[in-house]
Amino acid sequence: MQGKRILLGVSGSIAAYKAAFLVRLLVKAGAEVRVVMTASAREFITPLTLSTLSKHPVLSEFTTTDGTGTWNNHVELGLWADVVLIAPASARTLARCAHGLADDLLSAVYLSARCPVFFAPAMDLDMYQHPATTENLRRLTSFGNRIIEAESGELASGLVGQGRMAEPERMVRVLEIFLTPENTPNPLKGAFLSENFSRENAPFRGLGVLITAGPTQEAIDPVRFISNQSTGKMGYALAAELQAVGAHVTLVSGPVALPLPHPDIRLVQVRSAQQMFEAAQAHFTNADVVILSAAVADYTPTHPADRKIKKKEAVFTIELSKTVDIAATLGQQKRPDQVLVGFALETDNELENARAKLNSKNLDLIVLNSLQDPGAGFGHDTNQVTVLDRNGGVQKIPLQSKQELAKDLVEIIAKLVSSTRVVLKS
């Protein structure tokens, strides 16, 4: 961060008060910081506060208000910055930037910027989940911008859910990782991997990785559910390994009895297959690599009871409906620069069934578990797998701890990501 020029855009959100902490941390890290505020942001935090911390005047309007007609040149500001960070990014500011409405200084600076731009959304959970907001985030990402996703927690409205702006410390870490020499900005999202995998070189530095893990639980009534024996150990081991090699990991987890492997891993807890699909869909756009290791229910009760079902009939029948096929749905949406990895647990015709899933769901890799292999599958601390790729390759990995297996799988995925970016760049 030393000597880097960061332009911080602050828009109208209660989270604007965190901009003071953010500026202080950026300056402490050695960055030169200039601040542009929207008019509504000034209602939450004073320009004087941010000016004092940044040691530069804070700008809000196209011209000064002292009657001299001095122009605050948005083009110069956009060209000055090494990185533009808009935090908090309100729903209104996201919409302005997504649709090119340069009706205030901040959105005009955004349109003038030639450097990487990061958005850190902040709003109530219903606003954050609204189709208009998700579409604006999708548009901004499609333009090459990066989203530092909102976190889950208690919101200003009193509701609890996703929408809270990422903490300043996390945003600074994101920028530090992005601006390191190994991660020189390029047209593709994430980092360009070296040809040879090396944990010390952090080949996943800056990449966004989405992992699903654990089982799902499909409610029969308020106290009973249909589930499976997945413990989530493999997915959590992968999350830990990917975080260790520099990835920004989002872990969408079903109900498990496992601790979060690292505090920097973003955990999204879900219960049902539908909730897992919605969470995976919400984070898919911003992911460079998607690893679907969760054991998702194929069927769910069609009409779950709202009260506990009493034991009466000698024979009790539950009508089941198919759940959304997460892998197939994401496979249809996959961009050329994304890598999609699936898992398959089979008991018969393992290779044939896994190969069929690989092709039908547009996966790049599929990791095959066989319940015929001792020490593999659910509940064990060990695993052995067979990895199949789109080119017909088959690689068997012998029985070992899930932590060691995670290292081998990450190495295989790293090589695939590297080759994918070489093809796209050429």
Protein backbone atom coordinates (compact mmCIF):
# COMPACT_ATOMS: atom_id res chain seq x y z
CA MET A 1 0.00 0.00 0.00
CA GLN A 2 3.01 2.29 0.41
CA GLY A 3 2.61 5.28 -1.91
CA LYS A 4 -0.55 3.94 -3.57
CA ARG A 5 -3.18 6.53 -4.45
CA ILE A 6 -6.61 5.50 -3.17
CA LEU A 7 -9.69 7.52 -4.05
CA LEU A 8 -12.39 6.76 -1.51
CA GLY A 9 -15.98 7.42 -2.52
CA VAL A 10 -18.45 7.75 0.36
CA SER A 11 -22.18 7.60 -0.33
CA GLY A 12 -25.26 8.05 1.81
CA SER A 13 -25.53 5.17 4.26
CA ILE A 14 -25.39 4.84 8.02
CA ALA A 15 -22.19 2.88 7.38
CA ALA A 16 -20.56 6.12 6.26
CA TYR A 17 -19.31 6.60 9.83
CA LYS A 18 -16.90 3.70 9.19
CA ALA A 19 -15.23 5.77 6.46
CA ALA A 20 -13.27 7.55 9.18
CA PHE A 21 -11.76 4.28 10.37
CA LEU A 22 -11.14 3.22 6.77
CA VAL A 23 -9.27 6.41 5.88
CA ARG A 24 -7.16 6.14 9.03
CA LEU A 25 -6.19 2.53 8.25
CA LEU A 26 -5.35 3.32 4.62
CA VAL A 27 -3.16 6.27 5.61
CA LYS A 28 -1.50 4.19 8.31
CA ALA A 29 -0.73 1.52 5.66
CA GLY A 30 1.13 4.15 3.63
CA ALA A 31 -1.49 5.08 1.05
CA GLU A 32 -2.33 8.58 -0.13
CA VAL A 33 -6.07 9.00 0.25
CA ARG A 34 -8.45 11.49 -1.30
CA VAL A 35 -12.17 11.45 -0.50
CA VAL A 36 -15.20 12.25 -2.63
CA MET A 37 -18.58 12.32 -0.86
CA THR A 38 -22.12 12.41 -2.16
CA ALA A 39 -24.41 15.08 -0.80
CA SER A 40 -26.36 12.57 1.29
CA ALA A 41 -23.15 11.15 2.78
CA ARG A 42 -22.52 14.52 4.45
CA GLU A 43 -25.64 13.89 6.56
CA PHE A 44 -23.92 10.90 8.18
CA ILE A 45 -20.33 12.12 8.59
CA THR A 46 -18.77 15.54 8.19
CA PRO A 47 -16.28 16.36 5.43
CA LEU A 48 -14.08 17.94 8.12
CA THR A 49 -13.58 14.56 9.81
CA LEU A 50 -12.44 12.86 6.60
CA SER A 51 -10.39 15.86 5.52
CA THR A 52 -8.52 15.88 8.82
CA LEU A 53 -7.78 12.14 8.60
CA SER A 54 -6.82 12.12 4.91
CA LYS A 55 -4.95 15.45 5.04
CA HIS A 56 -6.64 16.49 1.80
CA PRO A 57 -9.79 18.55 1.09
CA VAL A 58 -12.94 16.47 0.73
CA LEU A 59 -14.89 17.10 -2.48
CA SER A 60 -18.63 16.75 -3.04
CA GLU A 61 -19.66 19.10 -5.84
CA PHE A 62 -18.52 19.76 -9.40
CA THR A 63 -17.65 23.34 -8.46
CA THR A 64 -16.63 25.01 -5.23
CA THR A 65 -19.25 26.82 -3.19
CA ASP A 66 -17.14 29.91 -2.50
CA GLY A 67 -18.44 31.76 -5.55
CA THR A 68 -15.17 31.51 -7.50
CA GLY A 69 -16.50 28.89 -9.90
CA THR A 70 -13.50 26.64 -9.35
CA TRP A 71 -14.05 23.28 -11.03
CA ASN A 72 -13.38 20.04 -9.18
CA ASN A 73 -12.07 18.13 -12.16
CA HIS A 74 -13.62 14.64 -12.09
CA VAL A 75 -11.44 13.52 -15.00
CA GLU A 76 -8.23 14.39 -13.15
CA LEU A 77 -9.48 12.63 -10.04
CA GLY A 78 -10.32 9.49 -12.00
CA LEU A 79 -6.91 9.45 -13.65
CA TRP A 80 -5.05 10.23 -10.40
CA ALA A 81 -6.15 7.10 -8.54
CA ASP A 82 -4.45 3.71 -8.52
CA VAL A 83 -7.65 2.29 -7.06
CA VAL A 84 -11.14 3.68 -6.54
CA LEU A 85 -12.97 2.27 -3.52
CA ILE A 86 -16.60 3.24 -3.05
CA ALA A 87 -17.48 2.44 0.55
CA PRO A 88 -20.18 2.53 1.57
CA ALA A 89 -21.87 2.05 -1.79
CA SER A 90 -25.57 2.75 -1.29
CA ALA A 91 -28.27 1.27 -3.53
CA ARG A 92 -28.60 4.67 -5.20
CA THR A 93 -24.89 4.97 -5.93
CA LEU A 94 -24.76 1.40 -7.26
CA ALA A 95 -27.63 2.25 -9.61
CA ARG A 96 -26.00 5.49 -10.75
CA CYS A 97 -22.72 3.79 -11.58
CA ALA A 98 -24.32 0.71 -13.12
CA HIS A 99 -26.30 2.87 -15.55
CA GLY A 100 -23.77 5.63 -16.16
CA LEU A 101 -25.77 8.45 -14.55
CA ALA A 102 -23.01 11.01 -13.98
CA ASP A 103 -25.27 13.40 -12.08
CA ASP A 104 -22.95 13.84 -9.10
CA LEU A 105 -19.20 14.15 -8.65
CA LEU A 106 -18.67 10.61 -7.38
CA SER A 107 -20.42 8.87 -10.28
CA ALA A 108 -18.61 11.16 -12.74
CA VAL A 109 -15.28 10.21 -11.16
CA TYR A 110 -16.25 6.54 -11.46
CA LEU A 111 -16.94 6.94 -15.18
CA SER A 112 -13.59 8.72 -15.63
CA ALA A 113 -11.51 6.15 -13.74
CA ARG A 114 -9.12 3.96 -15.69
CA CYS A 115 -7.98 2.05 -12.62
CA PRO A 116 -9.60 -0.90 -10.80
CA VAL A 117 -12.79 0.02 -8.94
CA PHE A 118 -14.09 -1.71 -5.81
CA PHE A 119 -17.63 -1.34 -4.46
CA ALA A 120 -18.50 -2.17 -0.84
CA PRO A 121 -22.32 -2.21 -0.69
CA ALA A 122 -24.19 -1.25 2.47
CA MET A 123 -27.96 -1.28 2.88
CA ASP A 124 -30.80 -3.15 4.55
CA LEU A 125 -31.17 -6.83 3.70
CA ASP A 126 -34.35 -6.44 1.61
CA MET A 127 -32.71 -3.70 -0.43
CA TYR A 128 -29.57 -5.80 -0.84
CA GLN A 129 -31.57 -8.82 -2.02
CA HIS A 130 -33.90 -6.85 -4.30
CA PRO A 131 -33.61 -7.88 -7.97
CA ALA A 132 -32.80 -4.29 -8.92
CA THR A 133 -29.77 -4.26 -6.63
CA THR A 134 -28.56 -7.73 -7.59
CA GLU A 135 -28.86 -6.78 -11.27
CA ASN A 136 -26.91 -3.57 -10.69
CA LEU A 137 -24.18 -5.55 -8.92
CA ARG A 138 -24.14 -8.01 -11.81
CA ARG A 139 -23.80 -5.15 -14.31
CA LEU A 140 -20.99 -3.53 -12.36
CA THR A 141 -19.14 -6.85 -12.17
CA SER A 142 -19.62 -7.42 -15.90
CA PHE A 143 -17.87 -4.07 -16.51
CA GLY A 144 -14.80 -5.43 -14.70
CA ASN A 145 -15.46 -3.86 -11.29
CA ARG A 146 -14.97 -5.81 -8.07
CA ILE A 147 -17.50 -6.17 -5.28
CA ILE A 148 -16.48 -6.47 -1.63
CA GLU A 149 -19.67 -8.17 -0.59
CA ALA A 150 -21.74 -7.05 2.35
CA GLU A 151 -21.54 -9.10 5.51
CA SER A 152 -24.31 -10.64 7.57
CA GLY A 153 -25.25 -9.32 10.97
CA GLU A 154 -27.50 -6.90 12.80
CA LEU A 155 -28.51 -3.97 10.61
CA ALA A 156 -29.51 -0.42 11.48
CA SER A 157 -33.18 -1.31 10.95
CA GLY A 158 -32.97 -3.93 13.68
CA LEU A 159 -33.24 -6.77 11.19
CA VAL A 160 -30.53 -9.42 10.96
CA GLY A 161 -29.15 -10.51 7.59
CA GLN A 162 -26.76 -9.62 4.78
CA GLY A 163 -26.31 -5.95 4.02
CA ARG A 164 -23.79 -4.68 6.57
CA MET A 165 -20.77 -3.08 4.94
CA ALA A 166 -17.54 -5.06 5.16
CA GLU A 167 -15.37 -3.97 8.06
CA PRO A 168 -12.60 -1.45 7.24
CA GLU A 169 -9.89 -3.94 8.22
CA ARG A 170 -11.21 -6.43 5.70
CA MET A 171 -11.35 -3.86 2.92
CA VAL A 172 -7.78 -2.80 3.59
CA ARG A 173 -6.68 -6.45 3.45
CA VAL A 174 -8.46 -6.86 0.11
CA LEU A 175 -6.64 -3.85 -1.33
CA GLU A 176 -3.29 -4.92 0.12
CA ILE A 177 -3.60 -8.34 -1.49
CA PHE A 178 -4.76 -6.87 -4.78
CA LEU A 179 -1.95 -4.35 -4.97
CA THR A 180 0.92 -6.70 -4.17
CA PRO A 181 3.40 -7.28 -7.05
CA GLU A 182 2.27 -10.88 -7.51
CA ASN A 183 -1.21 -9.62 -8.29
CA THR A 184 -0.67 -6.89 -10.86
CA PRO A 185 -4.08 -5.74 -12.14
CA ASN A 186 -5.16 -7.30 -15.43
CA PRO A 187 -8.36 -7.38 -17.54
CA LEU A 188 -9.47 -10.64 -15.95
CA LYS A 189 -10.93 -10.91 -12.49
CA GLY A 190 -8.61 -12.26 -9.84
CA ALA A 191 -4.94 -13.07 -10.15
CA PHE A 192 -3.03 -14.45 -13.11
CA LEU A 193 -1.49 -17.68 -11.93
CA SER A 194 2.10 -18.67 -12.53
CA GLU A 195 2.76 -21.83 -14.51
CA ASN A 196 4.12 -23.70 -11.51
CA PHE A 197 2.02 -24.12 -8.39
CA SER A 198 3.67 -22.90 -5.19
CA ARG A 199 2.04 -22.36 -1.83
CA GLU A 200 4.69 -19.79 -0.93
CA ASN A 201 3.80 -17.72 -4.00
CA ALA A 202 0.10 -17.77 -3.04
CA PRO A 203 -1.16 -18.64 -6.55
CA PHE A 204 -4.77 -17.97 -5.58
CA ARG A 205 -3.91 -14.51 -4.31
CA GLY A 206 -6.87 -12.24 -5.02
CA LEU A 207 -9.10 -14.92 -6.54
CA GLY A 208 -12.69 -15.14 -5.35
CA VAL A 209 -13.58 -18.74 -4.47
CA LEU A 210 -17.08 -19.97 -3.64
CA ILE A 211 -17.36 -23.32 -1.84
CA THR A 212 -20.49 -25.19 -0.82
CA ALA A 213 -20.10 -27.74 1.97
CA GLY A 214 -22.01 -30.01 4.31
CA PRO A 215 -25.50 -31.48 4.07
CA THR A 216 -28.86 -29.83 3.62
CA GLN A 217 -31.89 -30.46 5.81
CA GLU A 218 -35.33 -30.60 4.22
CA ALA A 219 -38.11 -29.93 6.71
CA ILE A 220 -40.91 -32.47 7.18
CA ASP A 221 -42.39 -30.52 10.07
CA PRO A 222 -40.94 -28.04 12.63
CA VAL A 223 -38.93 -30.79 14.37
CA ARG A 224 -38.11 -33.39 11.68
CA PHE A 225 -36.19 -33.25 8.47
CA ILE A 226 -34.66 -35.33 5.67
CA SER A 227 -30.88 -35.13 5.41
CA ASN A 228 -27.74 -37.19 4.76
CA GLN A 229 -24.54 -38.18 6.53
CA SER A 230 -22.27 -35.43 5.18
CA THR A 231 -20.08 -33.82 7.85
CA GLY A 232 -18.71 -30.99 5.67
CA LYS A 233 -15.10 -31.96 6.51
CA MET A 234 -13.92 -32.04 2.89
CA GLY A 235 -15.43 -28.68 2.02
CA TYR A 236 -14.08 -27.04 5.16
CA ALA A 237 -10.61 -28.49 4.48
CA LEU A 238 -10.74 -27.01 0.97
CA ALA A 239 -11.83 -23.65 2.36
CA ALA A 240 -8.92 -23.62 4.81
CA GLU A 241 -6.39 -24.56 2.13
CA LEU A 242 -7.65 -21.99 -0.39
CA GLN A 243 -7.61 -19.23 2.22
CA ALA A 244 -4.04 -20.21 3.08
CA VAL A 245 -2.94 -19.72 -0.55
CA GLY A 246 -4.43 -16.25 -0.86
CA ALA A 247 -8.01 -16.75 -2.05
CA HIS A 248 -10.98 -14.72 -0.87
CA VAL A 249 -13.17 -17.62 0.25
CA THR A 250 -16.94 -17.59 0.63
CA LEU A 251 -18.13 -20.78 2.32
CA VAL A 252 -21.82 -21.63 1.94
CA SER A 253 -22.38 -24.28 4.56
CA GLY A 254 -25.22 -26.52 5.55
CA PRO A 255 -25.62 -27.52 9.21
CA VAL A 256 -22.30 -28.95 10.46
CA ALA A 257 -20.46 -29.26 13.77
CA LEU A 258 -17.23 -27.69 12.53
CA PRO A 259 -15.49 -24.44 13.49
CA LEU A 260 -14.79 -21.83 10.84
CA PRO A 261 -11.25 -22.64 9.60
CA HIS A 262 -10.13 -18.98 9.47
CA PRO A 263 -11.75 -15.67 10.48
CA ASP A 264 -11.16 -14.21 7.00
CA ILE A 265 -13.37 -16.85 5.41
CA ARG A 266 -16.84 -15.46 4.78
CA LEU A 267 -19.35 -17.97 6.14
CA VAL A 268 -22.92 -18.12 4.83
CA GLN A 269 -24.98 -20.58 6.83
CA VAL A 270 -27.98 -22.25 5.22
CA ARG A 271 -30.25 -25.14 5.98
CA SER A 272 -32.30 -26.27 2.99
CA ALA A 273 -31.37 -27.06 -0.61
CA GLN A 274 -33.31 -23.99 -1.75
CA GLN A 275 -31.40 -21.75 0.67
CA MET A 276 -28.11 -23.24 -0.53
CA PHE A 277 -29.10 -22.59 -4.14
CA GLU A 278 -30.05 -18.98 -3.39
CA ALA A 279 -26.81 -18.35 -1.51
CA ALA A 280 -24.68 -19.97 -4.21
CA GLN A 281 -26.51 -18.00 -6.88
CA ALA A 282 -26.00 -14.73 -4.99
CA HIS A 283 -22.22 -15.23 -4.71
CA PHE A 284 -21.63 -16.94 -8.05
CA THR A 285 -21.09 -13.83 -10.18
CA ASN A 286 -18.16 -12.62 -8.07
CA ALA A 287 -16.43 -16.01 -7.94
CA ASP A 288 -13.46 -16.95 -10.11
CA VAL A 289 -13.59 -20.55 -8.89
CA VAL A 290 -16.68 -22.42 -7.66
CA ILE A 291 -16.33 -25.72 -5.79
CA LEU A 292 -19.58 -27.58 -5.12
CA SER A 293 -18.68 -30.11 -2.43
CA ALA A 294 -21.98 -29.98 -0.51
CA ALA A 295 -24.24 -33.02 -0.34
CA VAL A 296 -27.45 -31.33 -1.46
CA ALA A 297 -30.76 -33.15 -1.14
CA ASP A 298 -32.22 -34.23 -4.48
CA TYR A 299 -35.77 -34.13 -3.11
CA THR A 300 -37.63 -32.10 -0.50
CA PRO A 301 -41.08 -32.55 1.12
CA THR A 302 -43.68 -30.89 -1.12
CA HIS A 303 -45.91 -29.79 1.75
CA PRO A 304 -43.98 -29.58 5.04
CA ALA A 305 -46.29 -29.40 8.04
CA ASP A 306 -46.34 -26.24 10.12
CA ARG A 307 -47.00 -28.26 13.29
CA LYS A 308 -45.42 -31.43 14.62
CA ILE A 309 -46.92 -34.48 12.93
CA LYS A 310 -48.43 -36.92 15.44
CA LYS A 311 -47.90 -40.68 15.19
CA LYS A 312 -51.28 -42.04 14.07
CA GLU A 313 -51.29 -43.95 10.80
CA ALA A 314 -49.58 -47.34 10.47
CA VAL A 315 -48.21 -46.20 7.12
CA PHE A 316 -47.19 -42.58 6.58
CA THR A 317 -46.41 -41.19 3.15
CA ILE A 318 -44.50 -38.01 2.34
CA GLU A 319 -44.77 -36.47 -1.11
CA LEU A 320 -41.38 -35.27 -2.35
CA SER A 321 -40.47 -32.76 -5.07
CA LYS A 322 -37.19 -32.32 -6.90
CA THR A 323 -34.87 -29.61 -5.63
CA VAL A 324 -33.02 -27.20 -7.90
CA ASP A 325 -29.93 -28.76 -9.46
CA ILE A 326 -27.34 -26.23 -8.27
CA ALA A 327 -24.45 -27.56 -10.35
CA ALA A 328 -26.49 -27.70 -13.56
CA THR A 329 -27.95 -24.23 -13.04
CA LEU A 330 -24.58 -22.61 -12.34
CA GLY A 331 -23.04 -24.58 -15.18
CA GLN A 332 -25.47 -22.93 -17.59
CA GLN A 333 -24.44 -19.49 -16.27
CA LYS A 334 -20.69 -20.12 -16.15
CA ARG A 335 -18.48 -17.55 -17.87
CA PRO A 336 -15.38 -18.54 -19.85
CA ASP A 337 -13.14 -17.12 -17.10
CA GLN A 338 -14.79 -19.14 -14.33
CA VAL A 339 -13.81 -22.63 -13.19
CA LEU A 340 -16.57 -24.91 -11.89
CA VAL A 341 -15.71 -28.01 -9.85
CA GLY A 342 -18.30 -30.57 -8.80
CA PHE A 343 -18.29 -33.57 -6.46
CA ALA A 344 -19.99 -36.90 -7.06
CA LEU A 345 -20.59 -39.68 -4.55
CA GLU A 346 -21.35 -42.93 -6.36
CA THR A 347 -21.94 -46.57 -5.45
CA ASP A 348 -22.26 -48.15 -8.92
CA ASN A 349 -20.77 -47.44 -12.35
CA GLU A 350 -18.77 -44.70 -10.68
CA LEU A 351 -16.66 -43.46 -13.58
CA GLU A 352 -19.51 -43.55 -16.10
CA ASN A 353 -21.90 -41.70 -13.80
CA ALA A 354 -19.28 -39.10 -12.85
CA ARG A 355 -18.33 -38.51 -16.49
CA ALA A 356 -22.01 -38.04 -17.39
CA LYS A 357 -22.41 -35.43 -14.63
CA LEU A 358 -19.24 -33.65 -15.71
CA ASN A 359 -20.58 -33.21 -19.23
CA SER A 360 -24.26 -32.60 -18.55
CA LYS A 361 -23.61 -29.95 -15.91
CA ASN A 362 -20.84 -28.10 -17.80
CA LEU A 363 -18.26 -28.73 -15.07
CA ASP A 364 -14.53 -28.28 -15.60
CA LEU A 365 -13.60 -30.94 -13.05
CA ILE A 366 -15.51 -33.51 -11.06
CA VAL A 367 -14.18 -35.18 -7.91
CA LEU A 368 -15.48 -38.73 -7.60
CA ASN A 369 -15.98 -40.37 -4.22
CA SER A 370 -16.90 -44.05 -4.13
CA LEU A 371 -18.57 -45.63 -1.13
CA GLN A 372 -16.89 -48.86 -2.24
CA ASP A 373 -13.52 -47.47 -1.11
CA PRO A 374 -12.66 -48.14 2.56
CA GLY A 375 -11.97 -44.96 4.53
CA ALA A 376 -13.65 -42.71 1.96
CA GLY A 377 -16.97 -40.89 1.85
CA PHE A 378 -19.06 -39.52 4.70
CA GLY A 379 -17.91 -39.34 8.30
CA HIS A 380 -14.24 -40.21 7.81
CA ASP A 381 -11.24 -37.98 8.45
CA THR A 382 -9.64 -39.58 5.39
CA ASN A 383 -10.66 -39.73 1.75
CA GLN A 384 -9.52 -41.02 -1.61
CA VAL A 385 -10.89 -39.69 -4.86
CA THR A 386 -10.67 -39.81 -8.62
CA VAL A 387 -10.54 -36.48 -10.47
CA LEU A 388 -12.00 -36.33 -14.00
CA ASP A 389 -11.54 -33.38 -16.35
CA ARG A 390 -13.25 -32.21 -19.54
CA ASN A 391 -10.43 -33.48 -21.75
CA GLY A 392 -10.90 -37.07 -20.65
CA GLY A 393 -8.17 -37.02 -18.04
CA VAL A 394 -8.47 -39.28 -14.99
CA GLN A 395 -6.28 -38.82 -11.92
CA LYS A 396 -6.51 -41.06 -8.86
CA ILE A 397 -5.48 -39.64 -5.50
CA PRO A 398 -4.78 -42.29 -2.83
CA LEU A 399 -6.22 -42.47 0.66
CA GLN A 400 -4.96 -39.69 2.94
CA SER A 401 -6.27 -37.13 5.40
CA LYS A 402 -8.82 -34.70 4.04
CA GLN A 403 -6.43 -31.84 4.84
CA GLU A 404 -3.71 -33.39 2.66
CA LEU A 405 -6.23 -34.24 -0.04
CA ALA A 406 -7.36 -30.62 -0.05
CA LYS A 407 -3.79 -29.56 -0.89
CA ASP A 408 -3.68 -31.98 -3.84
CA LEU A 409 -7.07 -30.83 -5.13
CA VAL A 410 -6.13 -27.17 -4.83
CA GLU A 411 -2.97 -27.84 -6.85
CA ILE A 412 -5.02 -29.50 -9.60
CA ILE A 413 -7.52 -26.63 -9.63
CA ALA A 414 -4.69 -24.06 -9.69
CA LYS A 415 -3.25 -25.57 -12.86
CA LEU A 416 -6.69 -25.54 -14.48
CA VAL A 417 -7.30 -21.91 -13.53
CA SER A 418 -3.88 -20.95 -14.86
CA SER A 419 -4.45 -22.66 -18.20
CA THR A 420 -7.90 -21.11 -18.48
CA ARG A 421 -6.49 -17.61 -18.08
CA VAL A 422 -3.66 -18.30 -20.53
CA VAL A 423 -6.22 -19.28 -23.18
CA LEU A 424 -8.39 -16.22 -22.48
CA LYS A 425 -5.44 -13.85 -22.46
CA SER A 426 -4.16 -15.17 -25.79
